[in-house]
Amino acid sequence: MSQHIPIISIGIPVYNSEKYLKETLESLLNQEFQDFEILISDNASTDSTPAICHEYEQMDSRVHYHRSEINHGPCWNYNRVFDLCNGKYFKWHACDDLLRPDFLEKCVEVLDTCPDVILAHSYTVEIDERGRQIKDIDLTRIHTDHMRPSVRLRSMLMLGKYLSCAVFGLIRMDILRNAPRKPAYAHGDVIFICCLAVYGRFYQIPEPLFQYRIHAEQSMQTLPTHMVGLKKRRLFPFSGPLPATDWWDPSKKGKVDFPTWRFYWRMFNFVQRYPMPLAEKLRCHRSVCARLFKRKDFIRLGIDLLLALEVVLQGIQARKSVVMEPQTIDDRIIS
C-alpha cells in the first residue's frame, strides 16, 4: 500500500520557540483544509521546544519532528525544512505567526484554478504578544500579480519591511525545486523572494487571513541592544546589514563580507541568466538599478569596503594578541 502524499507541506523552522509554538501548531491543525503535513526542524533548541514538538507528534500523525544537535543558523534551517517536505504545495511558517482557519483552503483554491500563479498569500494583520491586533499591513500597492516579470520584480525590490508576508504564502513545490535556494547570508531572503517574483505571479487574497506577530524576542526587535555591543567593537562608525551575516550563518563570523556588492551581483546575474525576451530582461536590469539609487545603496557599496577593511584589521590585531600572550606569561615566570 502506497503512502499518502499530502497536498500541502508546512515547514516550521524552530529554535527556542516554546513561548508561541503551541498556539501556532493549534492554528495550523485547526485549518479547514486538512490534507497537509507539518515538518518541524529544530536548530538545537535548549528550552522546552523539543518536548512540545514530541507532544504534538504523538497527538497528530501529520506532525513530524526533526532535530539538529548543532545550531547551523536560521537560513540553513529554512532550507532544511523545505528539503524534508513532499507535498504539491509548500508553505514556510514561523513559529510565532497565526493563520485564520480558511487560509490554506483559499490559497489552495487559487493555485488549483490559476496555473500561472506560483504563490498565494493574503492580506496581513500585525498582532502583539497576546494576539491583539496592532495594525493592518497594506500590500495592495505592490504589483506582484502583474503579467510582466519586470513589474513584479520592481515591486518586490522596492518593498522592504514586509517581504516576509509574501514568503509565508503557499508556493508551488515544483517552482521552489527549480528556483535558487534561499542563501545563508544577509539580504538572502530579499534575493530569494525577488527571484521568485520573476518566475511567476503572486496572488493576494483580499482578506486578512495571516497574522504576523511582533514581539520582543524577534531578531529585528533586539537590534538596539545588538547595536550597542557592535559599536564598542567597531573601528569605523558604520553598520553592515542587520541582522549581521554571521547571524544567518555562524560559520561566517569574523570573515570578510561584501553584502551589498553580493546582493546586486546576484540580482543582475539572475536576471541575465533567466530566459525571457531581451526587452523584458533590460527592464528587469533597470528595476535593479532603480533600487540601487532609490535606496541609496551605492553608499553602502563604499561602506562594504570599509567594513571589510575593518574585519582585516581586527583579524591582524587578534593574531598579534595570540602571539604576544605566551611571551608575557614567560616574562612573569622568569621574573
C-alpha atoms as a PDB file:
ATOM      1  CA  MET A   1       0.000   0.000   0.000  1.00  0.00           C
ATOM      2  CA  SER A   2       1.493   3.317  -1.079  1.00  0.00           C
ATOM      3  CA  GLN A   3       1.977   6.073   1.474  1.00  0.00           C
ATOM      4  CA  HIS A   4      -0.334   9.066   1.088  1.00  0.00           C
ATOM      5  CA  ILE A   5       1.425  12.216  -0.159  1.00  0.00           C
ATOM      6  CA  PRO A   6      -0.301  15.310   1.240  1.00  0.00           C
ATOM      7  CA  ILE A   7      -1.370  18.237  -0.929  1.00  0.00           C
ATOM      8  CA  ILE A   8       0.396  20.753   1.351  1.00  0.00           C
ATOM      9  CA  SER A   9       3.677  20.564   3.224  1.00  0.00           C
ATOM     10  CA  ILE A  10       4.135  23.125   6.001  1.00  0.00           C
ATOM     11  CA  GLY A  11       7.703  23.683   7.164  1.00  0.00           C
ATOM     12  CA  ILE A  12       8.346  25.245  10.565  1.00  0.00           C
ATOM     13  CA  PRO A  13      11.984  26.093  11.408  1.00  0.00           C
ATOM     14  CA  VAL A  14      12.317  26.482  15.187  1.00  0.00           C
ATOM     15  CA  TYR A  15      14.878  27.486  17.773  1.00  0.00           C
ATOM     16  CA  ASN A  16      13.897  28.054  21.427  1.00  0.00           C
ATOM     17  CA  SER A  17      10.318  28.641  20.344  1.00  0.00           C
ATOM     18  CA  GLU A  18       8.435  27.455  23.426  1.00  0.00           C
ATOM     19  CA  LYS A  19       6.547  30.705  24.063  1.00  0.00           C
ATOM     20  CA  TYR A  20       4.288  30.672  20.970  1.00  0.00           C
ATOM     21  CA  LEU A  21       4.764  27.218  19.459  1.00  0.00           C
ATOM     22  CA  LYS A  22       1.651  25.559  20.910  1.00  0.00           C
ATOM     23  CA  GLU A  23      -0.597  28.386  19.758  1.00  0.00           C
ATOM     24  CA  THR A  24       0.987  28.254  16.304  1.00  0.00           C
ATOM     25  CA  LEU A  25       0.530  24.492  15.955  1.00  0.00           C
ATOM     26  CA  GLU A  26      -3.091  24.727  17.087  1.00  0.00           C
ATOM     27  CA  SER A  27      -3.655  27.415  14.449  1.00  0.00           C
ATOM     28  CA  LEU A  28      -2.366  25.053  11.758  1.00  0.00           C
ATOM     29  CA  LEU A  29      -4.122  21.898  12.956  1.00  0.00           C
ATOM     30  CA  ASN A  30      -7.445  23.744  13.088  1.00  0.00           C
ATOM     31  CA  GLN A  31      -7.352  24.651   9.392  1.00  0.00           C
ATOM     32  CA  GLU A  32     -10.483  23.844   7.398  1.00  0.00           C
ATOM     33  CA  PHE A  33      -8.275  22.287   4.702  1.00  0.00           C
ATOM     34  CA  GLN A  34      -6.844  19.184   6.371  1.00  0.00           C
ATOM     35  CA  ASP A  35      -4.714  17.402   3.742  1.00  0.00           C
ATOM     36  CA  PHE A  36      -1.304  18.584   4.913  1.00  0.00           C
ATOM     37  CA  GLU A  37       1.820  17.578   6.786  1.00  0.00           C
ATOM     38  CA  ILE A  38       3.779  19.671   9.278  1.00  0.00           C
ATOM     39  CA  LEU A  39       7.561  19.299   9.252  1.00  0.00           C
ATOM     40  CA  ILE A  40       9.344  20.892  12.220  1.00  0.00           C
ATOM     41  CA  SER A  41      13.113  21.371  12.005  1.00  0.00           C
ATOM     42  CA  ASP A  42      14.693  22.183  15.362  1.00  0.00           C
ATOM     43  CA  ASN A  43      18.014  24.056  15.286  1.00  0.00           C
ATOM     44  CA  ALA A  44      19.373  22.676  18.597  1.00  0.00           C
ATOM     45  CA  SER A  45      16.812  24.282  20.934  1.00  0.00           C
ATOM     46  CA  THR A  46      17.726  24.390  24.630  1.00  0.00           C
ATOM     47  CA  ASP A  47      14.264  25.184  26.060  1.00  0.00           C
ATOM     48  CA  SER A  48      11.084  23.075  26.101  1.00  0.00           C
ATOM     49  CA  THR A  49      10.639  23.242  22.313  1.00  0.00           C
ATOM     50  CA  PRO A  50      11.563  19.535  21.810  1.00  0.00           C
ATOM     51  CA  ALA A  51       9.033  18.415  24.433  1.00  0.00           C
ATOM     52  CA  ILE A  52       6.258  20.463  22.795  1.00  0.00           C
ATOM     53  CA  CYS A  53       7.123  19.047  19.367  1.00  0.00           C
ATOM     54  CA  HIS A  54       7.138  15.463  20.653  1.00  0.00           C
ATOM     55  CA  GLU A  55       3.769  16.058  22.312  1.00  0.00           C
ATOM     56  CA  TYR A  56       2.152  17.173  19.055  1.00  0.00           C
ATOM     57  CA  GLU A  57       3.931  14.489  17.046  1.00  0.00           C
ATOM     58  CA  GLN A  58       2.303  11.849  19.250  1.00  0.00           C
ATOM     59  CA  MET A  59      -1.047  13.660  19.164  1.00  0.00           C
ATOM     60  CA  ASP A  60      -1.316  14.010  15.366  1.00  0.00           C
ATOM     61  CA  SER A  61       0.294  11.765  12.730  1.00  0.00           C
ATOM     62  CA  ARG A  62       0.651  14.735  10.351  1.00  0.00           C
ATOM     63  CA  VAL A  63       3.270  16.352  12.616  1.00  0.00           C
ATOM     64  CA  HIS A  64       6.891  15.251  12.120  1.00  0.00           C
ATOM     65  CA  TYR A  65       9.772  16.489  14.268  1.00  0.00           C
ATOM     66  CA  HIS A  66      13.425  16.605  13.174  1.00  0.00           C
ATOM     67  CA  ARG A  67      16.230  17.905  15.384  1.00  0.00           C
ATOM     68  CA  SER A  68      19.797  19.022  14.737  1.00  0.00           C
ATOM     69  CA  GLU A  69      22.193  18.867  17.684  1.00  0.00           C
ATOM     70  CA  ILE A  70      24.181  21.770  16.209  1.00  0.00           C
ATOM     71  CA  ASN A  71      22.800  25.248  15.504  1.00  0.00           C
ATOM     72  CA  HIS A  72      23.633  25.928  11.853  1.00  0.00           C
ATOM     73  CA  GLY A  73      21.885  29.301  11.673  1.00  0.00           C
ATOM     74  CA  PRO A  74      18.331  30.194  10.596  1.00  0.00           C
ATOM     75  CA  CYS A  75      18.829  30.064   6.836  1.00  0.00           C
ATOM     76  CA  TRP A  76      20.149  26.503   6.968  1.00  0.00           C
ATOM     77  CA  ASN A  77      17.055  25.597   8.965  1.00  0.00           C
ATOM     78  CA  TYR A  78      14.698  27.248   6.455  1.00  0.00           C
ATOM     79  CA  ASN A  79      16.271  25.278   3.612  1.00  0.00           C
ATOM     80  CA  ARG A  80      16.358  22.048   5.592  1.00  0.00           C
ATOM     81  CA  VAL A  81      12.661  22.132   6.435  1.00  0.00           C
ATOM     82  CA  PHE A  82      11.910  22.519   2.731  1.00  0.00           C
ATOM     83  CA  ASP A  83      14.079  19.502   1.887  1.00  0.00           C
ATOM     84  CA  LEU A  84      12.019  17.370   4.298  1.00  0.00           C
ATOM     85  CA  CYS A  85       8.701  18.077   2.547  1.00  0.00           C
ATOM     86  CA  ASN A  86       6.785  16.071  -0.055  1.00  0.00           C
ATOM     87  CA  GLY A  87       3.577  17.943  -0.917  1.00  0.00           C
ATOM     88  CA  LYS A  88       2.347  19.552  -4.113  1.00  0.00           C
ATOM     89  CA  TYR A  89       2.336  22.969  -2.426  1.00  0.00           C
ATOM     90  CA  PHE A  90       4.683  24.261   0.249  1.00  0.00           C
ATOM     91  CA  LYS A  91       4.428  26.853   2.985  1.00  0.00           C
ATOM     92  CA  TRP A  92       7.071  28.167   5.342  1.00  0.00           C
ATOM     93  CA  HIS A  93       5.543  29.091   8.672  1.00  0.00           C
ATOM     94  CA  ALA A  94       7.216  30.981  11.512  1.00  0.00           C
ATOM     95  CA  CYS A  95       6.908  29.526  14.998  1.00  0.00           C
ATOM     96  CA  ASP A  96       5.042  32.600  16.295  1.00  0.00           C
ATOM     97  CA  ASP A  97       2.615  33.535  13.483  1.00  0.00           C
ATOM     98  CA  LEU A  98      -1.042  32.508  13.200  1.00  0.00           C
ATOM     99  CA  LEU A  99      -3.497  31.716  10.391  1.00  0.00           C
ATOM    100  CA  ARG A 100      -7.217  32.147  10.116  1.00  0.00           C
ATOM    101  CA  PRO A 101      -8.938  28.739   9.718  1.00  0.00           C
ATOM    102  CA  ASP A 102      -9.621  29.254   5.994  1.00  0.00           C
ATOM    103  CA  PHE A 103      -6.130  30.414   4.953  1.00  0.00           C
ATOM    104  CA  LEU A 104      -4.968  27.112   3.444  1.00  0.00           C
ATOM    105  CA  GLU A 105      -8.302  26.358   1.810  1.00  0.00           C
ATOM    106  CA  LYS A 106      -8.446  29.691  -0.019  1.00  0.00           C
ATOM    107  CA  CYS A 107      -4.775  29.559  -1.060  1.00  0.00           C
ATOM    108  CA  VAL A 108      -5.211  26.046  -2.489  1.00  0.00           C
ATOM    109  CA  GLU A 109      -8.262  27.211  -4.416  1.00  0.00           C
ATOM    110  CA  VAL A 110      -6.191  29.978  -6.026  1.00  0.00           C
ATOM    111  CA  LEU A 111      -3.316  27.686  -7.039  1.00  0.00           C
ATOM    112  CA  ASP A 112      -5.663  24.960  -8.301  1.00  0.00           C
ATOM    113  CA  THR A 113      -7.611  27.335 -10.542  1.00  0.00           C
ATOM    114  CA  CYS A 114      -4.822  29.720 -11.686  1.00  0.00           C
ATOM    115  CA  PRO A 115      -1.897  27.755 -13.191  1.00  0.00           C
ATOM    116  CA  ASP A 116       0.124  30.928 -13.867  1.00  0.00           C
ATOM    117  CA  VAL A 117       0.062  31.903 -10.172  1.00  0.00           C
ATOM    118  CA  ILE A 118       3.025  30.416  -8.301  1.00  0.00           C
ATOM    119  CA  LEU A 119       2.369  31.889  -4.829  1.00  0.00           C
ATOM    120  CA  ALA A 120      -0.887  32.636  -2.991  1.00  0.00           C
ATOM    121  CA  HIS A 121      -0.968  34.769   0.148  1.00  0.00           C
ATOM    122  CA  SER A 122      -3.414  37.134   1.841  1.00  0.00           C
ATOM    123  CA  TYR A 123      -3.810  40.478   3.487  1.00  0.00           C
ATOM    124  CA  THR A 124      -1.862  40.579   6.744  1.00  0.00           C
ATOM    125  CA  VAL A 125      -2.609  41.772  10.255  1.00  0.00           C
ATOM    126  CA  GLU A 126       0.134  42.586  12.768  1.00  0.00           C
ATOM    127  CA  ILE A 127      -0.547  41.160  16.232  1.00  0.00           C
ATOM    128  CA  ASP A 128       1.253  41.616  19.548  1.00  0.00           C
ATOM    129  CA  GLU A 129       2.490  39.084  22.119  1.00  0.00           C
ATOM    130  CA  ARG A 130      -1.057  38.432  23.335  1.00  0.00           C
ATOM    131  CA  GLY A 131      -2.511  38.079  19.857  1.00  0.00           C
ATOM    132  CA  ARG A 132      -4.148  41.502  19.870  1.00  0.00           C
ATOM    133  CA  GLN A 133      -4.344  43.310  16.538  1.00  0.00           C
ATOM    134  CA  ILE A 134      -1.855  46.169  16.122  1.00  0.00           C
ATOM    135  CA  LYS A 135      -2.492  47.235  12.534  1.00  0.00           C
ATOM    136  CA  ASP A 136      -3.341  46.068   9.041  1.00  0.00           C
ATOM    137  CA  ILE A 137      -0.454  45.745   6.593  1.00  0.00           C
ATOM    138  CA  ASP A 138      -1.388  47.255   3.253  1.00  0.00           C
ATOM    139  CA  LEU A 139       0.342  45.457   0.378  1.00  0.00           C
ATOM    140  CA  THR A 140      -2.251  46.388  -2.219  1.00  0.00           C
ATOM    141  CA  ARG A 141       0.165  48.886  -3.768  1.00  0.00           C
ATOM    142  CA  ILE A 142       2.567  46.161  -4.915  1.00  0.00           C
ATOM    143  CA  HIS A 143       2.071  44.642  -8.347  1.00  0.00           C
ATOM    144  CA  THR A 144       3.280  41.071  -7.927  1.00  0.00           C
ATOM    145  CA  ASP A 145       0.211  39.828  -9.812  1.00  0.00           C
ATOM    146  CA  HIS A 146       1.281  41.684 -12.982  1.00  0.00           C
ATOM    147  CA  MET A 147       1.887  39.684 -16.154  1.00  0.00           C
ATOM    148  CA  ARG A 148       5.352  41.200 -16.758  1.00  0.00           C
ATOM    149  CA  PRO A 149       8.304  39.873 -14.683  1.00  0.00           C
ATOM    150  CA  SER A 150       9.970  43.305 -14.627  1.00  0.00           C
ATOM    151  CA  VAL A 151       6.952  44.906 -12.917  1.00  0.00           C
ATOM    152  CA  ARG A 152       6.754  42.111 -10.339  1.00  0.00           C
ATOM    153  CA  LEU A 153      10.483  42.335  -9.683  1.00  0.00           C
ATOM    154  CA  ARG A 154      10.402  46.102  -9.245  1.00  0.00           C
ATOM    155  CA  SER A 155       7.526  45.793  -6.748  1.00  0.00           C
ATOM    156  CA  MET A 156       9.462  43.350  -4.566  1.00  0.00           C
ATOM    157  CA  LEU A 157      12.762  45.212  -4.826  1.00  0.00           C
ATOM    158  CA  MET A 158      11.160  48.400  -3.544  1.00  0.00           C
ATOM    159  CA  LEU A 159       9.033  46.791  -0.832  1.00  0.00           C
ATOM    160  CA  GLY A 160      11.365  46.464   2.151  1.00  0.00           C
ATOM    161  CA  LYS A 161       9.891  45.679   5.579  1.00  0.00           C
ATOM    162  CA  TYR A 162       7.044  43.291   4.756  1.00  0.00           C
ATOM    163  CA  LEU A 163       8.725  40.956   2.284  1.00  0.00           C
ATOM    164  CA  SER A 164       8.130  38.079   4.712  1.00  0.00           C
ATOM    165  CA  CYS A 165       4.369  38.466   4.358  1.00  0.00           C
ATOM    166  CA  ALA A 166       4.673  37.105   0.812  1.00  0.00           C
ATOM    167  CA  VAL A 167       7.318  34.469   1.520  1.00  0.00           C
ATOM    168  CA  PHE A 168       4.984  32.880   4.091  1.00  0.00           C
ATOM    169  CA  GLY A 169       2.358  32.268   1.419  1.00  0.00           C
ATOM    170  CA  LEU A 170       1.534  28.936  -0.238  1.00  0.00           C
ATOM    171  CA  ILE A 171       4.013  28.177  -3.048  1.00  0.00           C
ATOM    172  CA  ARG A 172       4.129  25.607  -5.828  1.00  0.00           C
ATOM    173  CA  MET A 173       6.676  22.956  -4.900  1.00  0.00           C
ATOM    174  CA  ASP A 174       7.864  22.416  -8.493  1.00  0.00           C
ATOM    175  CA  ILE A 175       8.759  26.118  -8.748  1.00  0.00           C
ATOM    176  CA  LEU A 176      10.683  26.025  -5.472  1.00  0.00           C
ATOM    177  CA  ARG A 177      12.667  22.987  -6.565  1.00  0.00           C
ATOM    178  CA  ASN A 178      13.871  24.874  -9.656  1.00  0.00           C
ATOM    179  CA  ALA A 179      14.312  28.303  -8.062  1.00  0.00           C
ATOM    180  CA  PRO A 180      17.581  29.420  -6.424  1.00  0.00           C
ATOM    181  CA  ARG A 181      17.892  28.271  -2.815  1.00  0.00           C
ATOM    182  CA  LYS A 182      17.467  30.762  -0.021  1.00  0.00           C
ATOM    183  CA  PRO A 183      21.102  31.814   0.546  1.00  0.00           C
ATOM    184  CA  ALA A 184      22.612  31.843   4.043  1.00  0.00           C
ATOM    185  CA  TYR A 185      23.656  35.472   4.303  1.00  0.00           C
ATOM    186  CA  ALA A 186      22.285  38.953   4.844  1.00  0.00           C
ATOM    187  CA  HIS A 187      19.733  40.056   2.219  1.00  0.00           C
ATOM    188  CA  GLY A 188      19.428  36.434   1.136  1.00  0.00           C
ATOM    189  CA  ASP A 189      15.697  36.445   1.893  1.00  0.00           C
ATOM    190  CA  VAL A 190      15.255  39.526  -0.324  1.00  0.00           C
ATOM    191  CA  ILE A 191      17.171  37.873  -3.172  1.00  0.00           C
ATOM    192  CA  PHE A 192      15.073  34.732  -2.810  1.00  0.00           C
ATOM    193  CA  ILE A 193      11.632  36.370  -2.928  1.00  0.00           C
ATOM    194  CA  CYS A 194      12.664  38.760  -5.732  1.00  0.00           C
ATOM    195  CA  CYS A 195      13.860  35.859  -7.875  1.00  0.00           C
ATOM    196  CA  LEU A 196      10.638  34.014  -7.105  1.00  0.00           C
ATOM    197  CA  ALA A 197       8.646  37.014  -8.350  1.00  0.00           C
ATOM    198  CA  VAL A 198      10.379  36.716 -11.724  1.00  0.00           C
ATOM    199  CA  TYR A 199       9.318  33.060 -12.000  1.00  0.00           C
ATOM    200  CA  GLY A 200       5.607  33.851 -11.855  1.00  0.00           C
ATOM    201  CA  ARG A 201       2.680  35.815 -10.493  1.00  0.00           C
ATOM    202  CA  PHE A 202       1.736  36.140  -6.832  1.00  0.00           C
ATOM    203  CA  TYR A 203      -1.930  36.408  -5.877  1.00  0.00           C
ATOM    204  CA  GLN A 204      -3.011  38.247  -2.733  1.00  0.00           C
ATOM    205  CA  ILE A 205      -6.359  37.143  -1.297  1.00  0.00           C
ATOM    206  CA  PRO A 206      -8.186  40.337  -0.236  1.00  0.00           C
ATOM    207  CA  GLU A 207      -8.891  39.108   3.295  1.00  0.00           C
ATOM    208  CA  PRO A 208      -6.745  39.362   6.475  1.00  0.00           C
ATOM    209  CA  LEU A 209      -6.051  35.633   6.854  1.00  0.00           C
ATOM    210  CA  PHE A 210      -2.414  35.851   8.026  1.00  0.00           C
ATOM    211  CA  GLN A 211      -1.439  37.162  11.461  1.00  0.00           C
ATOM    212  CA  TYR A 212       2.151  38.366  11.697  1.00  0.00           C
ATOM    213  CA  ARG A 213       3.314  38.538  15.303  1.00  0.00           C
ATOM    214  CA  ILE A 214       5.549  41.351  16.587  1.00  0.00           C
ATOM    215  CA  HIS A 215       7.274  40.637  19.897  1.00  0.00           C
ATOM    216  CA  ALA A 216      10.398  41.463  21.898  1.00  0.00           C
ATOM    217  CA  GLU A 217      12.292  38.235  21.089  1.00  0.00           C
ATOM    218  CA  GLN A 218      12.298  38.782  17.318  1.00  0.00           C
ATOM    219  CA  SER A 219      15.727  39.404  15.808  1.00  0.00           C
ATOM    220  CA  MET A 220      14.776  42.836  14.446  1.00  0.00           C
ATOM    221  CA  GLN A 221      13.356  43.900  17.815  1.00  0.00           C
ATOM    222  CA  THR A 222      16.660  43.136  19.562  1.00  0.00           C
ATOM    223  CA  LEU A 223      18.717  45.289  17.174  1.00  0.00           C
ATOM    224  CA  PRO A 224      19.128  48.315  19.539  1.00  0.00           C
ATOM    225  CA  THR A 225      20.874  46.118  22.123  1.00  0.00           C
ATOM    226  CA  HIS A 226      22.884  44.434  19.383  1.00  0.00           C
ATOM    227  CA  MET A 227      23.997  47.811  18.007  1.00  0.00           C
ATOM    228  CA  VAL A 228      25.307  48.972  21.406  1.00  0.00           C
ATOM    229  CA  GLY A 229      27.624  45.979  21.608  1.00  0.00           C
ATOM    230  CA  LEU A 230      28.560  46.315  17.950  1.00  0.00           C
ATOM    231  CA  LYS A 231      29.687  49.938  18.275  1.00  0.00           C
ATOM    232  CA  LYS A 232      32.096  49.008  21.063  1.00  0.00           C
ATOM    233  CA  ARG A 233      33.954  46.696  18.678  1.00  0.00           C
ATOM    234  CA  ARG A 234      33.883  48.920  15.603  1.00  0.00           C
ATOM    235  CA  LEU A 235      36.806  50.835  14.142  1.00  0.00           C
ATOM    236  CA  PHE A 236      34.514  52.735  11.764  1.00  0.00           C
ATOM    237  CA  PRO A 237      31.153  54.288  12.740  1.00  0.00           C
ATOM    238  CA  PHE A 238      29.188  52.196  10.242  1.00  0.00           C
ATOM    239  CA  SER A 239      26.993  49.143  10.489  1.00  0.00           C
ATOM    240  CA  GLY A 240      26.584  46.456   7.879  1.00  0.00           C
ATOM    241  CA  PRO A 241      23.380  44.550   7.172  1.00  0.00           C
ATOM    242  CA  LEU A 242      21.124  43.882  10.131  1.00  0.00           C
ATOM    243  CA  PRO A 243      20.939  41.153  11.272  1.00  0.00           C
ATOM    244  CA  ALA A 244      24.612  40.634  10.533  1.00  0.00           C
ATOM    245  CA  THR A 245      25.852  37.990   8.095  1.00  0.00           C
ATOM    246  CA  ASP A 246      27.062  35.681  10.880  1.00  0.00           C
ATOM    247  CA  TRP A 247      23.518  35.662  12.337  1.00  0.00           C
ATOM    248  CA  TRP A 248      22.340  33.942   9.154  1.00  0.00           C
ATOM    249  CA  ASP A 249      25.357  31.629   9.058  1.00  0.00           C
ATOM    250  CA  PRO A 250      27.521  31.302  12.231  1.00  0.00           C
ATOM    251  CA  SER A 251      30.470  29.995  10.165  1.00  0.00           C
ATOM    252  CA  LYS A 252      30.840  33.490   8.614  1.00  0.00           C
ATOM    253  CA  LYS A 253      31.747  35.148  11.925  1.00  0.00           C
ATOM    254  CA  GLY A 254      34.952  37.175  11.622  1.00  0.00           C
ATOM    255  CA  LYS A 255      35.162  36.728   7.836  1.00  0.00           C
ATOM    256  CA  VAL A 256      35.291  39.444   5.188  1.00  0.00           C
ATOM    257  CA  ASP A 257      31.923  40.033   3.576  1.00  0.00           C
ATOM    258  CA  PHE A 258      30.581  42.349   0.862  1.00  0.00           C
ATOM    259  CA  PRO A 259      26.795  42.004   1.365  1.00  0.00           C
ATOM    260  CA  THR A 260      25.645  44.909  -0.803  1.00  0.00           C
ATOM    261  CA  TRP A 261      28.016  44.060  -3.660  1.00  0.00           C
ATOM    262  CA  ARG A 262      26.892  40.427  -3.479  1.00  0.00           C
ATOM    263  CA  PHE A 263      23.211  41.383  -3.463  1.00  0.00           C
ATOM    264  CA  TYR A 264      23.468  43.356  -6.695  1.00  0.00           C
ATOM    265  CA  TRP A 265      25.771  40.824  -8.353  1.00  0.00           C
ATOM    266  CA  ARG A 266      23.307  38.027  -7.561  1.00  0.00           C
ATOM    267  CA  MET A 267      20.336  40.019  -8.811  1.00  0.00           C
ATOM    268  CA  PHE A 268      21.995  41.141 -12.064  1.00  0.00           C
ATOM    269  CA  ASN A 269      23.334  37.611 -12.643  1.00  0.00           C
ATOM    270  CA  PHE A 270      19.929  36.004 -12.068  1.00  0.00           C
ATOM    271  CA  VAL A 271      18.182  38.422 -14.435  1.00  0.00           C
ATOM    272  CA  GLN A 272      20.851  37.905 -17.101  1.00  0.00           C
ATOM    273  CA  ARG A 273      20.533  34.117 -16.964  1.00  0.00           C
ATOM    274  CA  TYR A 274      16.745  33.872 -16.664  1.00  0.00           C
ATOM    275  CA  PRO A 275      15.114  33.031 -20.036  1.00  0.00           C
ATOM    276  CA  MET A 276      12.955  35.978 -21.100  1.00  0.00           C
ATOM    277  CA  PRO A 277      12.738  38.391 -24.068  1.00  0.00           C
ATOM    278  CA  LEU A 278      15.608  40.862 -24.311  1.00  0.00           C
ATOM    279  CA  ALA A 279      13.347  43.896 -23.799  1.00  0.00           C
ATOM    280  CA  GLU A 280      11.949  42.415 -20.593  1.00  0.00           C
ATOM    281  CA  LYS A 281      15.438  41.470 -19.422  1.00  0.00           C
ATOM    282  CA  LEU A 282      16.544  45.082 -19.868  1.00  0.00           C
ATOM    283  CA  ARG A 283      13.526  46.295 -17.895  1.00  0.00           C
ATOM    284  CA  CYS A 284      14.470  43.931 -15.057  1.00  0.00           C
ATOM    285  CA  HIS A 285      18.043  45.261 -15.063  1.00  0.00           C
ATOM    286  CA  ARG A 286      16.636  48.777 -14.922  1.00  0.00           C
ATOM    287  CA  SER A 287      14.500  47.787 -11.905  1.00  0.00           C
ATOM    288  CA  VAL A 288      17.583  46.533 -10.071  1.00  0.00           C
ATOM    289  CA  CYS A 289      19.425  49.771 -10.879  1.00  0.00           C
ATOM    290  CA  ALA A 290      16.436  51.775  -9.642  1.00  0.00           C
ATOM    291  CA  ARG A 291      16.731  50.156  -6.223  1.00  0.00           C
ATOM    292  CA  LEU A 292      20.446  50.942  -6.104  1.00  0.00           C
ATOM    293  CA  PHE A 293      19.748  54.680  -6.357  1.00  0.00           C
ATOM    294  CA  LYS A 294      16.339  54.992  -4.726  1.00  0.00           C
ATOM    295  CA  ARG A 295      17.509  53.236  -1.547  1.00  0.00           C
ATOM    296  CA  LYS A 296      20.939  54.918  -1.768  1.00  0.00           C
ATOM    297  CA  ASP A 297      22.629  51.535  -1.761  1.00  0.00           C
ATOM    298  CA  PHE A 298      25.504  52.982  -3.786  1.00  0.00           C
ATOM    299  CA  ILE A 299      26.645  54.494  -0.457  1.00  0.00           C
ATOM    300  CA  ARG A 300      26.563  51.044   1.111  1.00  0.00           C
ATOM    301  CA  LEU A 301      28.849  49.753  -1.638  1.00  0.00           C
ATOM    302  CA  GLY A 302      31.546  52.020  -0.177  1.00  0.00           C
ATOM    303  CA  ILE A 303      30.643  51.090   3.399  1.00  0.00           C
ATOM    304  CA  ASP A 304      31.087  47.424   2.465  1.00  0.00           C
ATOM    305  CA  LEU A 305      34.710  48.160   1.533  1.00  0.00           C
ATOM    306  CA  LEU A 306      35.374  49.973   4.832  1.00  0.00           C
ATOM    307  CA  LEU A 307      33.782  47.193   6.878  1.00  0.00           C
ATOM    308  CA  ALA A 308      35.842  44.586   5.010  1.00  0.00           C
ATOM    309  CA  LEU A 309      38.986  46.568   5.865  1.00  0.00           C
ATOM    310  CA  GLU A 310      37.817  46.688   9.479  1.00  0.00           C
ATOM    311  CA  VAL A 311      37.499  42.885   9.609  1.00  0.00           C
ATOM    312  CA  VAL A 312      41.016  42.510   8.185  1.00  0.00           C
ATOM    313  CA  LEU A 313      42.497  44.961  10.728  1.00  0.00           C
ATOM    314  CA  GLN A 314      40.667  43.275  13.612  1.00  0.00           C
ATOM    315  CA  GLY A 315      41.981  39.911  12.440  1.00  0.00           C
ATOM    316  CA  ILE A 316      45.546  41.250  12.420  1.00  0.00           C
ATOM    317  CA  GLN A 317      45.076  42.642  15.951  1.00  0.00           C
ATOM    318  CA  ALA A 318      43.683  39.307  17.155  1.00  0.00           C
ATOM    319  CA  ARG A 319      46.635  37.364  15.709  1.00  0.00           C
ATOM    320  CA  LYS A 320      49.103  39.779  17.345  1.00  0.00           C
ATOM    321  CA  SER A 321      47.377  39.249  20.693  1.00  0.00           C
ATOM    322  CA  VAL A 322      47.686  35.487  20.351  1.00  0.00           C
ATOM    323  CA  VAL A 323      51.395  35.758  19.526  1.00  0.00           C
ATOM    324  CA  MET A 324      52.177  38.209  22.350  1.00  0.00           C
ATOM    325  CA  GLU A 325      50.282  36.447  25.137  1.00  0.00           C
ATOM    326  CA  PRO A 326      52.681  33.468  25.644  1.00  0.00           C
ATOM    327  CA  GLN A 327      55.687  35.859  25.782  1.00  0.00           C
ATOM    328  CA  THR A 328      54.007  37.901  28.518  1.00  0.00           C
ATOM    329  CA  ILE A 329      53.423  34.757  30.594  1.00  0.00           C
ATOM    330  CA  ASP A 330      57.061  33.665  30.162  1.00  0.00           C
ATOM    331  CA  ASP A 331      58.296  37.068  31.321  1.00  0.00           C
ATOM    332  CA  ARG A 332      56.303  36.742  34.538  1.00  0.00           C
ATOM    333  CA  ILE A 333      57.724  33.253  35.185  1.00  0.00           C
ATOM    334  CA  ILE A 334      61.321  34.409  34.662  1.00  0.00           C
ATOM    335  CA  SER A 335      60.938  37.405  36.939  1.00  0.00           C
END
